[in-house]
Amino acid sequence: MINKVHIKKGITFDSPEYECYERLAYAIVARAVRDYRTAKHMLKLNSHDDKSLYTVKEVKRFFRSSWFGVLTGVEPTVLLDKLEEMEDEE
């Protein structure tokens, strides 16, 4: 999951120590997705909720950041499109 990062001397992508970094990267991205979906749900209830508006804006900024690119190989637009699809289905 982690993209082209030199983590620490001696830790390679196939070493057992690497798995903890993958799990951390997954947890960071999963939390951002959860925060985004919660904020979007709250905006359905109150479209002027400042906290939710801010959260959506910041999570989108994270998805488009270079840090997101380091954590995952997922294209940000693909992820955002999928989240919008899931929202429409609810």
Protein backbone atom coordinates (compact mmCIF):
# COMPACT_ATOMS: atom_id res chain seq x y z
CA MET A 1 0.00 0.00 0.00
CA ILE A 2 2.74 2.51 0.85
CA ASN A 3 4.20 3.95 -2.31
CA LYS A 4 7.95 4.27 -2.96
CA VAL A 5 9.06 5.28 0.51
CA HIS A 6 12.37 4.57 2.15
CA ILE A 7 11.16 3.80 5.64
CA LYS A 8 14.22 2.75 7.60
CA LYS A 9 17.53 1.09 6.79
CA GLY A 10 17.03 -2.66 6.81
CA ILE A 11 13.26 -2.57 6.35
CA THR A 12 12.23 -3.62 2.88
CA PHE A 13 8.82 -3.97 1.30
CA ASP A 14 8.90 -7.72 1.87
CA SER A 15 10.08 -7.64 5.50
CA PRO A 16 7.73 -8.40 8.41
CA GLU A 17 8.48 -4.97 9.92
CA TYR A 18 6.98 -3.31 6.85
CA GLU A 19 3.52 -4.68 7.66
CA CYS A 20 3.11 -2.28 10.61
CA TYR A 21 3.71 0.68 8.28
CA GLU A 22 1.13 -0.65 5.84
CA ARG A 23 -1.41 -1.02 8.64
CA LEU A 24 -0.73 2.53 9.83
CA ALA A 25 -1.15 3.90 6.30
CA TYR A 26 -4.41 1.98 5.93
CA ALA A 27 -5.68 3.29 9.27
CA ILE A 28 -4.89 6.91 8.33
CA VAL A 29 -6.74 6.64 5.03
CA ALA A 30 -9.64 4.69 6.55
CA ARG A 31 -10.08 7.37 9.23
CA ALA A 32 -10.14 10.10 6.58
CA VAL A 33 -12.80 8.19 4.65
CA ARG A 34 -14.88 7.73 7.81
CA ASP A 35 -14.58 11.42 8.71
CA TYR A 36 -15.55 12.42 5.17
CA ARG A 37 -18.61 10.16 5.10
CA THR A 38 -19.75 11.31 8.55
CA ALA A 39 -19.38 14.97 7.58
CA LYS A 40 -21.28 14.44 4.33
CA HIS A 41 -24.08 12.73 6.27
CA MET A 42 -24.23 15.64 8.73
CA LEU A 43 -24.45 18.07 5.80
CA LYS A 44 -27.55 16.24 4.58
CA LEU A 45 -29.15 17.06 7.92
CA ASN A 46 -27.85 20.63 8.05
CA SER A 47 -26.21 22.03 4.93
CA HIS A 48 -24.80 24.98 6.90
CA ASP A 49 -22.93 22.95 9.52
CA ASP A 50 -19.56 24.73 9.62
CA LYS A 51 -17.69 21.84 11.25
CA SER A 52 -18.86 19.39 8.60
CA LEU A 53 -18.13 21.82 5.75
CA TYR A 54 -14.61 22.28 7.12
CA THR A 55 -14.09 18.53 7.52
CA VAL A 56 -15.15 17.80 3.93
CA LYS A 57 -12.83 20.54 2.66
CA GLU A 58 -9.86 19.32 4.69
CA VAL A 59 -10.33 15.64 3.87
CA LYS A 60 -10.54 16.47 0.15
CA ARG A 61 -7.32 18.47 0.55
CA PHE A 62 -5.71 15.45 2.23
CA PHE A 63 -6.87 13.13 -0.58
CA ARG A 64 -5.22 15.44 -3.13
CA SER A 65 -2.00 15.83 -1.12
CA SER A 66 1.38 14.29 -1.78
CA TRP A 67 1.13 12.61 1.64
CA PHE A 68 -1.94 10.68 0.45
CA GLY A 69 0.11 9.64 -2.58
CA VAL A 70 2.81 8.29 -0.27
CA LEU A 71 0.29 6.32 1.78
CA THR A 72 -1.60 4.77 -1.10
CA GLY A 73 -1.48 4.31 -4.83
CA VAL A 74 -5.17 5.19 -5.15
CA GLU A 75 -6.05 8.03 -7.51
CA PRO A 76 -7.79 10.72 -5.40
CA THR A 77 -10.47 11.42 -8.01
CA VAL A 78 -11.36 7.73 -8.16
CA LEU A 79 -11.73 7.58 -4.38
CA LEU A 80 -13.84 10.75 -4.24
CA ASP A 81 -16.04 9.53 -7.09
CA LYS A 82 -16.58 6.23 -5.28
CA LEU A 83 -17.44 8.02 -2.03
CA GLU A 84 -19.97 10.18 -3.91
CA GLU A 85 -21.49 7.04 -5.46
CA MET A 86 -21.81 5.44 -2.03
CA GLU A 87 -23.46 8.60 -0.69
CA ASP A 88 -25.98 8.61 -3.53
CA GLU A 89 -26.89 4.97 -2.80
CA GLU A 90 -27.71 5.70 0.85
